[in-house]
């Protein structure tokens, strides 16, 4: 007997799968880097794609049009099958990554580069929410100081503010739909809206008002089906990517990581991936010199061991 197909209620039991309830079946997957200016979005996009597609410059809004690259997904099983069967056409899985220009506080009301970039976020399937957790006098911060929690609040606040504005339109469209369905004029009293709509609308409103993504909420399957058609940004999966200094990445520690973990937990939960653009760039710069690259990694391992890490914990690998 085939396994029972999982519904929205089953997916909601897994915190990391909640957003899957709102997804649609597609042949391609597109993710977008979202964050404040100068947190490493363009640099990480370049590193992921293996080429300098996006301009990585030390000034706010150096990315204006979203840069889009395709990253081949590494898969040793796919490589084995390709080598074994020697197929005439080999097409690996790819992840489309969009480097979206930096948002600032007030973007949902047109500040900075405004609503255009919120529409770019709406066009992707999921969000890499990138925050800066490294100090550097050479890389300016749009708010003049490094504070990932403040940055998380800013970006999440803008995404939720955009969804709050969208919800106002959703309510008006539903009222108009009911009037047309009942053949009522605009001056006539409006019949009650469906319970499913009211419950879904109230839950979504409560979540965005508390600066919490809608995809983390508890919804019935009927409510999920309604919300899918509302075009809400925060129903998209979010992965929190923390850009550390090379030193903190090697020693696998930062004063900000526990605070970021607590913030994510208090805002519905989610996956956190620590990375270091500094480390990845230094490693990539040596890609044509395998011996020097190996020596570089060995030096970083020795640094990790000097910091007290042992065994597998002391290994330093590219993300």
C-alpha atoms as a PDB file:
ATOM      1  CA  UNK A   1       0.000   0.000   0.000  1.00  0.00           C
ATOM      2  CA  UNK A   2       1.539   3.364  -0.977  1.00  0.00           C
ATOM      3  CA  UNK A   3       2.325   5.817   1.834  1.00  0.00           C
ATOM      4  CA  UNK A   4      -0.313   8.374   2.641  1.00  0.00           C
ATOM      5  CA  UNK A   5       0.276  11.749   0.992  1.00  0.00           C
ATOM      6  CA  UNK A   6       1.185  14.400   3.519  1.00  0.00           C
ATOM      7  CA  UNK A   7      -1.183  17.310   3.832  1.00  0.00           C
ATOM      8  CA  UNK A   8      -0.678  20.813   5.189  1.00  0.00           C
ATOM      9  CA  UNK A   9      -1.379  19.637   8.731  1.00  0.00           C
ATOM     10  CA  UNK A  10       1.349  16.984   8.551  1.00  0.00           C
ATOM     11  CA  UNK A  11       3.926  19.441   7.153  1.00  0.00           C
ATOM     12  CA  UNK A  12       3.103  21.883   9.929  1.00  0.00           C
ATOM     13  CA  UNK A  13       4.392  19.387  12.501  1.00  0.00           C
ATOM     14  CA  UNK A  14       7.949  19.947  11.238  1.00  0.00           C
ATOM     15  CA  UNK A  15       9.090  23.537  11.987  1.00  0.00           C
ATOM     16  CA  UNK A  16      11.452  23.518   8.985  1.00  0.00           C
ATOM     17  CA  UNK A  17       8.692  22.325   6.637  1.00  0.00           C
ATOM     18  CA  UNK A  18       5.931  24.759   7.580  1.00  0.00           C
ATOM     19  CA  UNK A  19       6.584  26.988   4.589  1.00  0.00           C
ATOM     20  CA  UNK A  20       6.230  23.995   2.241  1.00  0.00           C
ATOM     21  CA  UNK A  21       2.480  24.172   2.828  1.00  0.00           C
ATOM     22  CA  UNK A  22       2.357  27.378   0.787  1.00  0.00           C
ATOM     23  CA  UNK A  23       4.621  26.209  -2.039  1.00  0.00           C
ATOM     24  CA  UNK A  24       3.661  25.289  -5.583  1.00  0.00           C
ATOM     25  CA  UNK A  25       5.057  22.479  -7.701  1.00  0.00           C
ATOM     26  CA  UNK A  26       7.653  23.858 -10.143  1.00  0.00           C
ATOM     27  CA  UNK A  27      10.489  22.563 -12.286  1.00  0.00           C
ATOM     28  CA  UNK A  28      12.866  25.260 -11.092  1.00  0.00           C
ATOM     29  CA  UNK A  29      13.744  26.701  -7.688  1.00  0.00           C
ATOM     30  CA  UNK A  30      14.663  30.352  -7.197  1.00  0.00           C
ATOM     31  CA  UNK A  31      16.033  31.813  -3.960  1.00  0.00           C
ATOM     32  CA  UNK A  32      16.751  35.450  -3.220  1.00  0.00           C
ATOM     33  CA  UNK A  33      19.320  37.045  -0.914  1.00  0.00           C
ATOM     34  CA  UNK A  34      17.626  39.635   1.292  1.00  0.00           C
ATOM     35  CA  UNK A  35      19.290  41.927   3.792  1.00  0.00           C
ATOM     36  CA  UNK A  36      20.539  45.416   4.522  1.00  0.00           C
ATOM     37  CA  UNK A  37      23.099  47.003   2.198  1.00  0.00           C
ATOM     38  CA  UNK A  38      26.740  45.876   2.635  1.00  0.00           C
ATOM     39  CA  UNK A  39      26.080  42.621   4.505  1.00  0.00           C
ATOM     40  CA  UNK A  40      27.631  40.374   1.831  1.00  0.00           C
ATOM     41  CA  UNK A  41      24.762  39.505  -0.523  1.00  0.00           C
ATOM     42  CA  UNK A  42      26.640  40.208  -3.761  1.00  0.00           C
ATOM     43  CA  UNK A  43      29.852  38.637  -2.473  1.00  0.00           C
ATOM     44  CA  UNK A  44      28.051  35.452  -1.469  1.00  0.00           C
ATOM     45  CA  UNK A  45      26.172  35.347  -4.778  1.00  0.00           C
ATOM     46  CA  UNK A  46      29.504  35.533  -6.607  1.00  0.00           C
ATOM     47  CA  UNK A  47      30.983  32.775  -4.452  1.00  0.00           C
ATOM     48  CA  UNK A  48      27.981  30.492  -4.870  1.00  0.00           C
ATOM     49  CA  UNK A  49      28.021  30.808  -8.636  1.00  0.00           C
ATOM     50  CA  UNK A  50      31.785  30.547  -8.939  1.00  0.00           C
ATOM     51  CA  UNK A  51      31.960  33.754 -10.981  1.00  0.00           C
ATOM     52  CA  UNK A  52      31.885  37.497 -10.418  1.00  0.00           C
ATOM     53  CA  UNK A  53      28.405  38.088 -11.785  1.00  0.00           C
ATOM     54  CA  UNK A  54      27.303  40.647  -9.199  1.00  0.00           C
ATOM     55  CA  UNK A  55      29.138  43.843  -8.397  1.00  0.00           C
ATOM     56  CA  UNK A  56      30.466  43.640  -4.841  1.00  0.00           C
ATOM     57  CA  UNK A  57      31.205  47.203  -3.814  1.00  0.00           C
ATOM     58  CA  UNK A  58      31.621  48.937  -0.484  1.00  0.00           C
ATOM     59  CA  UNK A  59      28.736  51.388  -0.712  1.00  0.00           C
ATOM     60  CA  UNK A  60      24.963  51.109  -0.159  1.00  0.00           C
ATOM     61  CA  UNK A  61      22.761  50.154  -3.114  1.00  0.00           C
ATOM     62  CA  UNK A  62      25.662  49.018  -5.328  1.00  0.00           C
ATOM     63  CA  UNK A  63      23.126  46.433  -6.570  1.00  0.00           C
ATOM     64  CA  UNK A  64      20.149  48.078  -8.278  1.00  0.00           C
ATOM     65  CA  UNK A  65      18.815  45.561 -10.776  1.00  0.00           C
ATOM     66  CA  UNK A  66      18.656  42.119  -9.177  1.00  0.00           C
ATOM     67  CA  UNK A  67      21.532  39.944 -10.338  1.00  0.00           C
ATOM     68  CA  UNK A  68      20.450  36.415 -11.167  1.00  0.00           C
ATOM     69  CA  UNK A  69      22.864  33.472 -11.366  1.00  0.00           C
ATOM     70  CA  UNK A  70      22.417  29.722 -11.650  1.00  0.00           C
ATOM     71  CA  UNK A  71      24.380  27.540  -9.247  1.00  0.00           C
ATOM     72  CA  UNK A  72      24.914  23.862 -10.026  1.00  0.00           C
ATOM     73  CA  UNK A  73      23.799  21.714  -7.078  1.00  0.00           C
ATOM     74  CA  UNK A  74      26.643  19.295  -6.136  1.00  0.00           C
ATOM     75  CA  UNK A  75      25.439  15.681  -6.115  1.00  0.00           C
ATOM     76  CA  UNK A  76      27.872  12.767  -5.969  1.00  0.00           C
ATOM     77  CA  UNK A  77      25.111  10.298  -6.884  1.00  0.00           C
ATOM     78  CA  UNK A  78      24.284  12.269 -10.029  1.00  0.00           C
ATOM     79  CA  UNK A  79      27.976  12.413 -10.905  1.00  0.00           C
ATOM     80  CA  UNK A  80      28.304   8.643 -10.419  1.00  0.00           C
ATOM     81  CA  UNK A  81      25.295   7.929 -12.667  1.00  0.00           C
ATOM     82  CA  UNK A  82      26.600  10.311 -15.321  1.00  0.00           C
ATOM     83  CA  UNK A  83      30.024   8.664 -15.351  1.00  0.00           C
ATOM     84  CA  UNK A  84      28.570   5.143 -15.288  1.00  0.00           C
ATOM     85  CA  UNK A  85      26.004   5.516 -18.052  1.00  0.00           C
ATOM     86  CA  UNK A  86      27.865   8.165 -20.090  1.00  0.00           C
ATOM     87  CA  UNK A  87      24.633   9.804 -21.200  1.00  0.00           C
ATOM     88  CA  UNK A  88      24.915  12.005 -24.308  1.00  0.00           C
ATOM     89  CA  UNK A  89      23.119  14.825 -22.474  1.00  0.00           C
ATOM     90  CA  UNK A  90      23.867  15.636 -18.849  1.00  0.00           C
ATOM     91  CA  UNK A  91      21.788  18.342 -17.186  1.00  0.00           C
ATOM     92  CA  UNK A  92      22.480  18.791 -13.449  1.00  0.00           C
ATOM     93  CA  UNK A  93      20.060  20.323 -10.981  1.00  0.00           C
ATOM     94  CA  UNK A  94      20.552  24.051 -10.600  1.00  0.00           C
ATOM     95  CA  UNK A  95      19.491  26.618  -8.047  1.00  0.00           C
ATOM     96  CA  UNK A  96      18.643  30.068  -9.370  1.00  0.00           C
ATOM     97  CA  UNK A  97      19.911  32.706  -6.946  1.00  0.00           C
ATOM     98  CA  UNK A  98      18.835  36.348  -7.091  1.00  0.00           C
ATOM     99  CA  UNK A  99      20.986  39.000  -5.439  1.00  0.00           C
ATOM    100  CA  UNK A 100      18.336  41.544  -4.428  1.00  0.00           C
ATOM    101  CA  UNK A 101      19.358  45.105  -3.593  1.00  0.00           C
ATOM    102  CA  UNK A 102      19.620  46.007   0.082  1.00  0.00           C
ATOM    103  CA  UNK A 103      16.507  47.006   1.971  1.00  0.00           C
ATOM    104  CA  UNK A 104      16.467  49.699   4.637  1.00  0.00           C
ATOM    105  CA  UNK A 105      13.953  50.754   7.265  1.00  0.00           C
ATOM    106  CA  UNK A 106      10.933  52.287   5.547  1.00  0.00           C
ATOM    107  CA  UNK A 107      11.371  50.375   2.268  1.00  0.00           C
ATOM    108  CA  UNK A 108       7.739  49.237   2.392  1.00  0.00           C
ATOM    109  CA  UNK A 109       6.808  52.940   2.293  1.00  0.00           C
ATOM    110  CA  UNK A 110       9.243  53.766  -0.516  1.00  0.00           C
ATOM    111  CA  UNK A 111      12.449  54.580   1.432  1.00  0.00           C
ATOM    112  CA  UNK A 112      15.820  53.744  -0.094  1.00  0.00           C
ATOM    113  CA  UNK A 113      15.161  52.009  -3.378  1.00  0.00           C
ATOM    114  CA  UNK A 114      11.577  51.409  -2.320  1.00  0.00           C
ATOM    115  CA  UNK A 115       8.919  48.889  -3.214  1.00  0.00           C
ATOM    116  CA  UNK A 116      10.600  47.737  -6.442  1.00  0.00           C
ATOM    117  CA  UNK A 117      12.831  45.390  -4.490  1.00  0.00           C
ATOM    118  CA  UNK A 118       9.987  44.023  -2.415  1.00  0.00           C
ATOM    119  CA  UNK A 119       8.443  42.974  -5.736  1.00  0.00           C
ATOM    120  CA  UNK A 120      11.737  41.216  -6.598  1.00  0.00           C
ATOM    121  CA  UNK A 121      11.405  39.287  -3.335  1.00  0.00           C
ATOM    122  CA  UNK A 122       7.850  38.332  -4.288  1.00  0.00           C
ATOM    123  CA  UNK A 123       9.193  36.778  -7.503  1.00  0.00           C
ATOM    124  CA  UNK A 124      11.426  34.176  -5.803  1.00  0.00           C
ATOM    125  CA  UNK A 125      10.407  30.888  -4.159  1.00  0.00           C
ATOM    126  CA  UNK A 126      12.372  31.318  -0.946  1.00  0.00           C
ATOM    127  CA  UNK A 127      14.510  33.793   0.974  1.00  0.00           C
ATOM    128  CA  UNK A 128      18.110  33.653   2.175  1.00  0.00           C
ATOM    129  CA  UNK A 129      17.921  36.238   4.957  1.00  0.00           C
ATOM    130  CA  UNK A 130      21.541  37.399   5.252  1.00  0.00           C
ATOM    131  CA  UNK A 131      22.742  39.291   8.323  1.00  0.00           C
ATOM    132  CA  UNK A 132      26.163  40.713   9.111  1.00  0.00           C
ATOM    133  CA  UNK A 133      27.900  39.550  12.300  1.00  0.00           C
ATOM    134  CA  UNK A 134      31.449  40.753  11.640  1.00  0.00           C
ATOM    135  CA  UNK A 135      33.232  43.991  12.473  1.00  0.00           C
ATOM    136  CA  UNK A 136      35.272  45.761   9.813  1.00  0.00           C
ATOM    137  CA  UNK A 137      36.408  49.350   9.461  1.00  0.00           C
ATOM    138  CA  UNK A 138      36.782  48.757   5.719  1.00  0.00           C
ATOM    139  CA  UNK A 139      33.137  47.758   5.122  1.00  0.00           C
ATOM    140  CA  UNK A 140      30.656  50.452   6.113  1.00  0.00           C
ATOM    141  CA  UNK A 141      27.330  49.631   7.754  1.00  0.00           C
ATOM    142  CA  UNK A 142      24.236  51.543   6.683  1.00  0.00           C
ATOM    143  CA  UNK A 143      23.371  52.113  10.385  1.00  0.00           C
ATOM    144  CA  UNK A 144      27.013  52.850  11.390  1.00  0.00           C
ATOM    145  CA  UNK A 145      27.289  49.888  13.768  1.00  0.00           C
ATOM    146  CA  UNK A 146      27.057  46.091  13.676  1.00  0.00           C
ATOM    147  CA  UNK A 147      23.962  44.698  15.361  1.00  0.00           C
ATOM    148  CA  UNK A 148      22.428  41.602  13.687  1.00  0.00           C
ATOM    149  CA  UNK A 149      19.376  41.634  15.956  1.00  0.00           C
ATOM    150  CA  UNK A 150      18.521  45.194  14.966  1.00  0.00           C
ATOM    151  CA  UNK A 151      19.108  44.250  11.317  1.00  0.00           C
ATOM    152  CA  UNK A 152      16.852  41.193  11.630  1.00  0.00           C
ATOM    153  CA  UNK A 153      14.117  43.362  13.140  1.00  0.00           C
ATOM    154  CA  UNK A 154      14.496  45.909  10.331  1.00  0.00           C
ATOM    155  CA  UNK A 155      14.259  43.446   7.450  1.00  0.00           C
ATOM    156  CA  UNK A 156      11.583  41.274   9.023  1.00  0.00           C
ATOM    157  CA  UNK A 157       9.646  44.422   9.855  1.00  0.00           C
ATOM    158  CA  UNK A 158       9.733  45.597   6.231  1.00  0.00           C
ATOM    159  CA  UNK A 159       8.606  42.200   4.906  1.00  0.00           C
ATOM    160  CA  UNK A 160       5.773  42.036   7.444  1.00  0.00           C
ATOM    161  CA  UNK A 161       4.792  45.660   6.730  1.00  0.00           C
ATOM    162  CA  UNK A 162       4.514  44.812   3.046  1.00  0.00           C
ATOM    163  CA  UNK A 163       2.305  41.814   3.866  1.00  0.00           C
ATOM    164  CA  UNK A 164       0.189  43.996   6.163  1.00  0.00           C
ATOM    165  CA  UNK A 165      -0.451  46.358   3.241  1.00  0.00           C
ATOM    166  CA  UNK A 166      -1.244  43.382   1.009  1.00  0.00           C
ATOM    167  CA  UNK A 167      -3.763  42.066   3.548  1.00  0.00           C
ATOM    168  CA  UNK A 168      -5.733  45.310   3.320  1.00  0.00           C
ATOM    169  CA  UNK A 169      -6.174  44.706  -0.400  1.00  0.00           C
ATOM    170  CA  UNK A 170      -7.038  41.041   0.205  1.00  0.00           C
ATOM    171  CA  UNK A 171      -9.907  42.049   2.491  1.00  0.00           C
ATOM    172  CA  UNK A 172     -11.294  44.566   0.000  1.00  0.00           C
ATOM    173  CA  UNK A 173     -11.103  42.049  -2.874  1.00  0.00           C
ATOM    174  CA  UNK A 174     -12.910  39.418  -0.815  1.00  0.00           C
ATOM    175  CA  UNK A 175     -15.686  41.854   0.054  1.00  0.00           C
ATOM    176  CA  UNK A 176     -16.030  42.764  -3.628  1.00  0.00           C
ATOM    177  CA  UNK A 177     -16.091  39.075  -4.597  1.00  0.00           C
ATOM    178  CA  UNK A 178     -18.899  38.362  -2.109  1.00  0.00           C
ATOM    179  CA  UNK A 179     -20.922  41.338  -3.353  1.00  0.00           C
ATOM    180  CA  UNK A 180     -20.667  40.155  -6.954  1.00  0.00           C
ATOM    181  CA  UNK A 181     -21.483  36.573  -5.976  1.00  0.00           C
ATOM    182  CA  UNK A 182     -24.611  37.733  -4.153  1.00  0.00           C
ATOM    183  CA  UNK A 183     -25.488  40.345  -6.770  1.00  0.00           C
ATOM    184  CA  UNK A 184     -25.376  43.180  -4.219  1.00  0.00           C
ATOM    185  CA  UNK A 185     -24.709  46.839  -4.807  1.00  0.00           C
ATOM    186  CA  UNK A 186     -21.955  48.638  -2.919  1.00  0.00           C
ATOM    187  CA  UNK A 187     -24.541  50.463  -0.825  1.00  0.00           C
ATOM    188  CA  UNK A 188     -26.167  47.203   0.341  1.00  0.00           C
ATOM    189  CA  UNK A 189     -25.143  45.638   3.683  1.00  0.00           C
ATOM    190  CA  UNK A 190     -22.321  43.102   3.227  1.00  0.00           C
ATOM    191  CA  UNK A 191     -23.164  39.486   4.159  1.00  0.00           C
ATOM    192  CA  UNK A 192     -20.799  37.746   6.619  1.00  0.00           C
ATOM    193  CA  UNK A 193     -17.526  36.528   5.117  1.00  0.00           C
ATOM    194  CA  UNK A 194     -16.739  32.819   5.338  1.00  0.00           C
ATOM    195  CA  UNK A 195     -15.308  31.479   8.594  1.00  0.00           C
ATOM    196  CA  UNK A 196     -12.266  30.085   6.769  1.00  0.00           C
ATOM    197  CA  UNK A 197     -11.473  33.502   5.294  1.00  0.00           C
ATOM    198  CA  UNK A 198     -11.999  35.364   8.557  1.00  0.00           C
ATOM    199  CA  UNK A 199      -9.883  32.901  10.547  1.00  0.00           C
ATOM    200  CA  UNK A 200      -7.056  32.922   7.978  1.00  0.00           C
ATOM    201  CA  UNK A 201      -7.152  36.717   7.695  1.00  0.00           C
ATOM    202  CA  UNK A 202      -7.125  37.263  11.461  1.00  0.00           C
ATOM    203  CA  UNK A 203      -4.255  34.818  12.000  1.00  0.00           C
ATOM    204  CA  UNK A 204      -2.177  36.427   9.240  1.00  0.00           C
ATOM    205  CA  UNK A 205      -2.851  39.914  10.565  1.00  0.00           C
ATOM    206  CA  UNK A 206      -1.849  38.930  14.093  1.00  0.00           C
ATOM    207  CA  UNK A 207       1.399  37.347  12.857  1.00  0.00           C
ATOM    208  CA  UNK A 208       2.581  40.274  10.715  1.00  0.00           C
ATOM    209  CA  UNK A 209       1.662  42.769  13.432  1.00  0.00           C
ATOM    210  CA  UNK A 210       3.991  40.837  15.779  1.00  0.00           C
ATOM    211  CA  UNK A 211       6.779  40.917  13.149  1.00  0.00           C
ATOM    212  CA  UNK A 212       6.511  37.143  12.626  1.00  0.00           C
ATOM    213  CA  UNK A 213       6.468  35.411   9.197  1.00  0.00           C
ATOM    214  CA  UNK A 214       3.078  34.026   8.205  1.00  0.00           C
ATOM    215  CA  UNK A 215       4.619  30.680   7.190  1.00  0.00           C
ATOM    216  CA  UNK A 216       5.404  29.937  10.873  1.00  0.00           C
ATOM    217  CA  UNK A 217       1.724  30.085  11.933  1.00  0.00           C
ATOM    218  CA  UNK A 218      -0.749  27.304  12.633  1.00  0.00           C
ATOM    219  CA  UNK A 219      -3.329  27.001   9.861  1.00  0.00           C
ATOM    220  CA  UNK A 220      -5.945  24.507   8.739  1.00  0.00           C
ATOM    221  CA  UNK A 221      -5.660  23.114   5.211  1.00  0.00           C
ATOM    222  CA  UNK A 222      -8.608  25.210   3.996  1.00  0.00           C
ATOM    223  CA  UNK A 223      -6.926  28.331   5.350  1.00  0.00           C
ATOM    224  CA  UNK A 224      -3.623  27.433   3.666  1.00  0.00           C
ATOM    225  CA  UNK A 225      -5.371  27.086   0.300  1.00  0.00           C
ATOM    226  CA  UNK A 226      -6.850  30.572   0.698  1.00  0.00           C
ATOM    227  CA  UNK A 227      -3.559  32.179   1.776  1.00  0.00           C
ATOM    228  CA  UNK A 228      -1.714  30.689  -1.210  1.00  0.00           C
ATOM    229  CA  UNK A 229      -3.618  33.054  -3.500  1.00  0.00           C
ATOM    230  CA  UNK A 230      -2.967  36.194  -1.453  1.00  0.00           C
ATOM    231  CA  UNK A 231       0.646  36.774  -2.605  1.00  0.00           C
ATOM    232  CA  UNK A 232       2.157  37.085   0.859  1.00  0.00           C
ATOM    233  CA  UNK A 233       5.945  37.498   1.005  1.00  0.00           C
ATOM    234  CA  UNK A 234       6.371  35.927   4.449  1.00  0.00           C
ATOM    235  CA  UNK A 235       4.788  32.631   3.421  1.00  0.00           C
ATOM    236  CA  UNK A 236       8.056  31.895   1.597  1.00  0.00           C
ATOM    237  CA  UNK A 237      10.657  29.655   3.276  1.00  0.00           C
ATOM    238  CA  UNK A 238      13.335  31.678   5.058  1.00  0.00           C
ATOM    239  CA  UNK A 239      16.855  30.468   5.787  1.00  0.00           C
ATOM    240  CA  UNK A 240      18.855  32.746   8.053  1.00  0.00           C
ATOM    241  CA  UNK A 241      22.457  33.105   6.824  1.00  0.00           C
ATOM    242  CA  UNK A 242      24.916  34.698   9.266  1.00  0.00           C
ATOM    243  CA  UNK A 243      28.025  36.263   7.720  1.00  0.00           C
ATOM    244  CA  UNK A 244      30.884  35.867  10.231  1.00  0.00           C
ATOM    245  CA  UNK A 245      34.484  36.984  10.192  1.00  0.00           C
ATOM    246  CA  UNK A 246      37.007  34.332   9.121  1.00  0.00           C
ATOM    247  CA  UNK A 247      38.300  34.143  12.697  1.00  0.00           C
ATOM    248  CA  UNK A 248      34.869  33.429  14.196  1.00  0.00           C
ATOM    249  CA  UNK A 249      33.935  31.032  11.388  1.00  0.00           C
ATOM    250  CA  UNK A 250      37.115  29.001  11.995  1.00  0.00           C
ATOM    251  CA  UNK A 251      36.612  28.827  15.751  1.00  0.00           C
ATOM    252  CA  UNK A 252      32.865  28.219  15.274  1.00  0.00           C
ATOM    253  CA  UNK A 253      31.797  30.857  17.726  1.00  0.00           C
ATOM    254  CA  UNK A 254      30.496  34.421  17.898  1.00  0.00           C
ATOM    255  CA  UNK A 255      28.870  36.523  20.590  1.00  0.00           C
ATOM    256  CA  UNK A 256      26.017  37.110  18.139  1.00  0.00           C
ATOM    257  CA  UNK A 257      25.105  33.502  17.282  1.00  0.00           C
ATOM    258  CA  UNK A 258      23.253  32.680  20.568  1.00  0.00           C
ATOM    259  CA  UNK A 259      21.364  35.989  20.331  1.00  0.00           C
ATOM    260  CA  UNK A 260      20.436  35.346  16.698  1.00  0.00           C
ATOM    261  CA  UNK A 261      19.287  31.827  17.617  1.00  0.00           C
ATOM    262  CA  UNK A 262      17.033  33.205  20.362  1.00  0.00           C
ATOM    263  CA  UNK A 263      15.606  35.840  18.013  1.00  0.00           C
ATOM    264  CA  UNK A 264      14.807  33.274  15.322  1.00  0.00           C
ATOM    265  CA  UNK A 265      13.142  30.978  17.892  1.00  0.00           C
ATOM    266  CA  UNK A 266      10.977  33.847  19.161  1.00  0.00           C
ATOM    267  CA  UNK A 267       9.905  34.675  15.587  1.00  0.00           C
ATOM    268  CA  UNK A 268       8.598  31.278  14.568  1.00  0.00           C
ATOM    269  CA  UNK A 269      11.872  29.353  14.246  1.00  0.00           C
ATOM    270  CA  UNK A 270      13.912  28.484  11.194  1.00  0.00           C
ATOM    271  CA  UNK A 271      17.226  27.191   9.935  1.00  0.00           C
ATOM    272  CA  UNK A 272      20.415  29.172  10.657  1.00  0.00           C
ATOM    273  CA  UNK A 273      23.569  28.736   8.542  1.00  0.00           C
ATOM    274  CA  UNK A 274      26.801  30.438   9.660  1.00  0.00           C
ATOM    275  CA  UNK A 275      29.115  31.352   6.755  1.00  0.00           C
ATOM    276  CA  UNK A 276      32.094  33.624   6.195  1.00  0.00           C
ATOM    277  CA  UNK A 277      32.467  35.500   2.924  1.00  0.00           C
ATOM    278  CA  UNK A 278      35.971  36.452   4.035  1.00  0.00           C
ATOM    279  CA  UNK A 279      37.001  32.806   4.454  1.00  0.00           C
ATOM    280  CA  UNK A 280      35.261  31.675   1.260  1.00  0.00           C
ATOM    281  CA  UNK A 281      36.851  34.477  -0.769  1.00  0.00           C
ATOM    282  CA  UNK A 282      40.333  33.707   0.562  1.00  0.00           C
ATOM    283  CA  UNK A 283      39.832  30.039  -0.284  1.00  0.00           C
ATOM    284  CA  UNK A 284      38.427  30.797  -3.743  1.00  0.00           C
ATOM    285  CA  UNK A 285      41.355  33.090  -4.552  1.00  0.00           C
ATOM    286  CA  UNK A 286      43.624  30.019  -4.250  1.00  0.00           C
ATOM    287  CA  UNK A 287      41.525  27.718  -6.470  1.00  0.00           C
ATOM    288  CA  UNK A 288      44.240  27.644  -9.162  1.00  0.00           C
ATOM    289  CA  UNK A 289      46.872  26.674  -6.583  1.00  0.00           C
ATOM    290  CA  UNK A 290      45.740  23.371  -4.965  1.00  0.00           C
ATOM    291  CA  UNK A 291      48.822  23.057  -2.734  1.00  0.00           C
ATOM    292  CA  UNK A 292      48.410  26.567  -1.360  1.00  0.00           C
ATOM    293  CA  UNK A 293      44.675  25.965  -0.862  1.00  0.00           C
ATOM    294  CA  UNK A 294      45.443  22.801   1.105  1.00  0.00           C
ATOM    295  CA  UNK A 295      48.011  24.688   3.202  1.00  0.00           C
ATOM    296  CA  UNK A 296      45.476  27.461   3.828  1.00  0.00           C
ATOM    297  CA  UNK A 297      42.909  24.969   5.152  1.00  0.00           C
ATOM    298  CA  UNK A 298      45.552  23.298   7.331  1.00  0.00           C
ATOM    299  CA  UNK A 299      46.456  26.663   8.861  1.00  0.00           C
ATOM    300  CA  UNK A 300      42.818  27.344   9.610  1.00  0.00           C
ATOM    301  CA  UNK A 301      42.515  23.879  11.227  1.00  0.00           C
ATOM    302  CA  UNK A 302      45.477  24.644  13.443  1.00  0.00           C
ATOM    303  CA  UNK A 303      43.809  27.919  14.444  1.00  0.00           C
ATOM    304  CA  UNK A 304      40.644  25.983  15.354  1.00  0.00           C
ATOM    305  CA  UNK A 305      42.639  23.516  17.456  1.00  0.00           C
ATOM    306  CA  UNK A 306      44.436  26.391  19.197  1.00  0.00           C
ATOM    307  CA  UNK A 307      40.958  27.752  20.068  1.00  0.00           C
ATOM    308  CA  UNK A 308      40.153  24.452  21.809  1.00  0.00           C
ATOM    309  CA  UNK A 309      38.284  22.552  19.105  1.00  0.00           C
ATOM    310  CA  UNK A 310      39.060  18.868  18.643  1.00  0.00           C
ATOM    311  CA  UNK A 311      38.407  16.109  16.104  1.00  0.00           C
ATOM    312  CA  UNK A 312      35.751  16.832  13.469  1.00  0.00           C
ATOM    313  CA  UNK A 313      34.944  20.157  15.188  1.00  0.00           C
ATOM    314  CA  UNK A 314      38.404  21.423  14.244  1.00  0.00           C
ATOM    315  CA  UNK A 315      37.893  20.713  10.520  1.00  0.00           C
ATOM    316  CA  UNK A 316      37.352  23.848   8.438  1.00  0.00           C
ATOM    317  CA  UNK A 317      35.433  23.368   5.192  1.00  0.00           C
ATOM    318  CA  UNK A 318      33.925  25.545   2.516  1.00  0.00           C
ATOM    319  CA  UNK A 319      30.169  25.954   2.817  1.00  0.00           C
END
